[in-house]
Amino acid sequence: MDERFAPLFTPPYYAVIFTNQLAENSGGYPEMSQQMAALAAQQPGFLGVETTRDSNGLGITISYWETESAIAKWKAQIDHIGAQKLGKTRWYAAYTLRIAKVERNYCGPEGR
């Protein structure tokens, strides 16, 4: 499977879907985004991540977690709190965050 896709995990698990529009002055964002991705991967309960951004600055990142508790601990992680504050005050023109429970999954086409 394409390495940009997170592997399929055994349900149930949780998806945090973060959609955002970068502000015009988003200097420093790519570096912080990479740091946060590496830090998230070290957190208990983290399963994987998928992310994409278009040429107009619209990005979608989906991180996968074993439990809601793991998500809450990630949200409260001190370095992540700092990044969240910068996102709200500097990097994002708009954003939404959704948390969903994944109960089924599959991939295709056949042979993959």
C-alpha atoms as a PDB file:
ATOM      1  CA  MET A   1       0.000   0.000   0.000  1.00  0.00           C
ATOM      2  CA  ASP A   2       1.063   3.597  -0.626  1.00  0.00           C
ATOM      3  CA  GLU A   3       3.198   4.788   2.322  1.00  0.00           C
ATOM      4  CA  ARG A   4       1.124   7.986   2.550  1.00  0.00           C
ATOM      5  CA  PHE A   5      -1.734   5.843   3.864  1.00  0.00           C
ATOM      6  CA  ALA A   6      -1.765   4.782   7.495  1.00  0.00           C
ATOM      7  CA  PRO A   7      -2.158   1.023   7.842  1.00  0.00           C
ATOM      8  CA  LEU A   8      -5.528  -0.414   8.758  1.00  0.00           C
ATOM      9  CA  PHE A   9      -5.878  -1.007  12.474  1.00  0.00           C
ATOM     10  CA  THR A  10      -8.173  -3.441  14.249  1.00  0.00           C
ATOM     11  CA  PRO A  11     -11.427  -1.644  15.135  1.00  0.00           C
ATOM     12  CA  PRO A  12     -12.644  -0.085  17.208  1.00  0.00           C
ATOM     13  CA  TYR A  13     -10.270   2.848  17.368  1.00  0.00           C
ATOM     14  CA  TYR A  14     -10.586   6.623  17.025  1.00  0.00           C
ATOM     15  CA  ALA A  15      -9.839   9.155  14.307  1.00  0.00           C
ATOM     16  CA  VAL A  16      -9.108  12.804  15.020  1.00  0.00           C
ATOM     17  CA  ILE A  17      -9.899  14.725  11.838  1.00  0.00           C
ATOM     18  CA  PHE A  18      -8.277  18.165  11.779  1.00  0.00           C
ATOM     19  CA  THR A  19      -9.173  20.368   8.806  1.00  0.00           C
ATOM     20  CA  ASN A  20      -7.523  23.763   8.603  1.00  0.00           C
ATOM     21  CA  GLN A  21      -6.894  26.733   6.366  1.00  0.00           C
ATOM     22  CA  LEU A  22      -3.483  28.319   6.750  1.00  0.00           C
ATOM     23  CA  ALA A  23      -3.350  32.066   7.272  1.00  0.00           C
ATOM     24  CA  GLU A  24      -1.402  34.146   4.772  1.00  0.00           C
ATOM     25  CA  ASN A  25       1.546  34.575   7.150  1.00  0.00           C
ATOM     26  CA  SER A  26       2.178  31.021   8.341  1.00  0.00           C
ATOM     27  CA  GLY A  27       5.963  31.129   8.601  1.00  0.00           C
ATOM     28  CA  GLY A  28       7.347  28.422  10.865  1.00  0.00           C
ATOM     29  CA  TYR A  29       4.296  26.217  10.448  1.00  0.00           C
ATOM     30  CA  PRO A  30       5.906  23.411   8.386  1.00  0.00           C
ATOM     31  CA  GLU A  31       8.651  22.932  10.967  1.00  0.00           C
ATOM     32  CA  MET A  32       6.206  22.886  13.898  1.00  0.00           C
ATOM     33  CA  SER A  33       3.934  20.500  12.016  1.00  0.00           C
ATOM     34  CA  GLN A  34       6.817  18.052  11.564  1.00  0.00           C
ATOM     35  CA  GLN A  35       7.780  18.364  15.235  1.00  0.00           C
ATOM     36  CA  MET A  36       4.212  17.690  16.365  1.00  0.00           C
ATOM     37  CA  ALA A  37       3.892  14.672  14.049  1.00  0.00           C
ATOM     38  CA  ALA A  38       7.078  13.184  15.524  1.00  0.00           C
ATOM     39  CA  LEU A  39       5.933  13.944  19.075  1.00  0.00           C
ATOM     40  CA  ALA A  40       2.448  12.473  18.484  1.00  0.00           C
ATOM     41  CA  ALA A  41       4.044   9.258  17.227  1.00  0.00           C
ATOM     42  CA  GLN A  42       5.747   8.873  20.633  1.00  0.00           C
ATOM     43  CA  GLN A  43       2.509   9.159  22.621  1.00  0.00           C
ATOM     44  CA  PRO A  44       0.877   6.109  24.215  1.00  0.00           C
ATOM     45  CA  GLY A  45      -2.142   5.041  22.177  1.00  0.00           C
ATOM     46  CA  PHE A  46      -1.017   6.677  18.921  1.00  0.00           C
ATOM     47  CA  LEU A  47      -1.608   4.419  15.911  1.00  0.00           C
ATOM     48  CA  GLY A  48      -0.820   6.444  12.798  1.00  0.00           C
ATOM     49  CA  VAL A  49      -1.470   9.562  10.745  1.00  0.00           C
ATOM     50  CA  GLU A  50      -2.426  10.682   7.252  1.00  0.00           C
ATOM     51  CA  THR A  51      -2.077  14.276   6.078  1.00  0.00           C
ATOM     52  CA  THR A  52      -2.464  16.347   2.937  1.00  0.00           C
ATOM     53  CA  ARG A  53      -2.439  20.042   2.002  1.00  0.00           C
ATOM     54  CA  ASP A  54      -3.542  21.673  -1.239  1.00  0.00           C
ATOM     55  CA  SER A  55      -1.922  24.591  -3.069  1.00  0.00           C
ATOM     56  CA  ASN A  56      -4.377  27.053  -1.458  1.00  0.00           C
ATOM     57  CA  GLY A  57      -3.339  26.077   2.084  1.00  0.00           C
ATOM     58  CA  LEU A  58      -6.294  23.825   2.973  1.00  0.00           C
ATOM     59  CA  GLY A  59      -4.997  20.885   4.987  1.00  0.00           C
ATOM     60  CA  ILE A  60      -6.520  17.742   6.440  1.00  0.00           C
ATOM     61  CA  THR A  61      -4.710  15.625   9.006  1.00  0.00           C
ATOM     62  CA  ILE A  62      -6.248  12.468  10.410  1.00  0.00           C
ATOM     63  CA  SER A  63      -4.534  10.908  13.382  1.00  0.00           C
ATOM     64  CA  TYR A  64      -5.579   7.507  14.680  1.00  0.00           C
ATOM     65  CA  TRP A  65      -5.699   6.576  18.360  1.00  0.00           C
ATOM     66  CA  GLU A  66      -6.491   3.494  20.442  1.00  0.00           C
ATOM     67  CA  THR A  67      -8.755   5.306  22.933  1.00  0.00           C
ATOM     68  CA  GLU A  68     -10.439   8.604  23.691  1.00  0.00           C
ATOM     69  CA  SER A  69      -8.242   8.820  26.776  1.00  0.00           C
ATOM     70  CA  ALA A  70      -5.119   8.719  24.584  1.00  0.00           C
ATOM     71  CA  ILE A  71      -6.552  11.584  22.514  1.00  0.00           C
ATOM     72  CA  ALA A  72      -7.229  13.633  25.654  1.00  0.00           C
ATOM     73  CA  LYS A  73      -3.674  13.063  26.898  1.00  0.00           C
ATOM     74  CA  TRP A  74      -2.274  14.163  23.529  1.00  0.00           C
ATOM     75  CA  LYS A  75      -4.414  17.314  23.607  1.00  0.00           C
ATOM     76  CA  ALA A  76      -3.033  18.093  27.085  1.00  0.00           C
ATOM     77  CA  GLN A  77       0.621  17.367  26.210  1.00  0.00           C
ATOM     78  CA  ILE A  78       2.559  20.546  27.099  1.00  0.00           C
ATOM     79  CA  ASP A  79       4.420  21.004  23.786  1.00  0.00           C
ATOM     80  CA  HIS A  80       1.218  20.302  21.880  1.00  0.00           C
ATOM     81  CA  ILE A  81      -0.591  22.962  23.947  1.00  0.00           C
ATOM     82  CA  GLY A  82       2.029  25.487  22.833  1.00  0.00           C
ATOM     83  CA  ALA A  83       1.574  24.513  19.192  1.00  0.00           C
ATOM     84  CA  GLN A  84      -2.213  24.775  19.559  1.00  0.00           C
ATOM     85  CA  LYS A  85      -1.876  28.334  20.878  1.00  0.00           C
ATOM     86  CA  LEU A  86       0.343  29.331  17.956  1.00  0.00           C
ATOM     87  CA  GLY A  87      -2.106  27.728  15.555  1.00  0.00           C
ATOM     88  CA  LYS A  88      -5.008  29.733  16.956  1.00  0.00           C
ATOM     89  CA  THR A  89      -3.133  33.048  17.085  1.00  0.00           C
ATOM     90  CA  ARG A  90      -0.818  32.823  14.082  1.00  0.00           C
ATOM     91  CA  TRP A  91      -1.117  29.958  11.621  1.00  0.00           C
ATOM     92  CA  TYR A  92      -4.789  29.144  11.020  1.00  0.00           C
ATOM     93  CA  ALA A  93      -7.351  31.358   9.334  1.00  0.00           C
ATOM     94  CA  ALA A  94      -9.940  28.688  10.232  1.00  0.00           C
ATOM     95  CA  TYR A  95     -10.073  25.111  11.480  1.00  0.00           C
ATOM     96  CA  THR A  96     -12.387  22.307  12.548  1.00  0.00           C
ATOM     97  CA  LEU A  97     -11.661  19.255  14.646  1.00  0.00           C
ATOM     98  CA  ARG A  98     -13.792  16.134  14.702  1.00  0.00           C
ATOM     99  CA  ILE A  99     -13.360  12.921  16.673  1.00  0.00           C
ATOM    100  CA  ALA A 100     -14.904   9.755  15.289  1.00  0.00           C
ATOM    101  CA  LYS A 101     -15.003   6.146  16.393  1.00  0.00           C
ATOM    102  CA  VAL A 102     -13.936   3.782  13.615  1.00  0.00           C
ATOM    103  CA  GLU A 103     -15.962   0.597  13.743  1.00  0.00           C
ATOM    104  CA  ARG A 104     -15.132  -0.890  10.330  1.00  0.00           C
ATOM    105  CA  ASN A 105     -12.414  -0.469   7.746  1.00  0.00           C
ATOM    106  CA  TYR A 106     -11.177  -2.043   4.538  1.00  0.00           C
ATOM    107  CA  CYS A 107      -8.939  -1.157   1.601  1.00  0.00           C
ATOM    108  CA  GLY A 108      -8.960  -1.713  -2.136  1.00  0.00           C
ATOM    109  CA  PRO A 109      -8.636  -2.360  -4.938  1.00  0.00           C
ATOM    110  CA  GLU A 110      -8.279  -6.088  -4.563  1.00  0.00           C
ATOM    111  CA  GLY A 111      -4.741  -7.333  -4.410  1.00  0.00           C
ATOM    112  CA  ARG A 112      -3.441  -4.616  -2.125  1.00  0.00           C
END
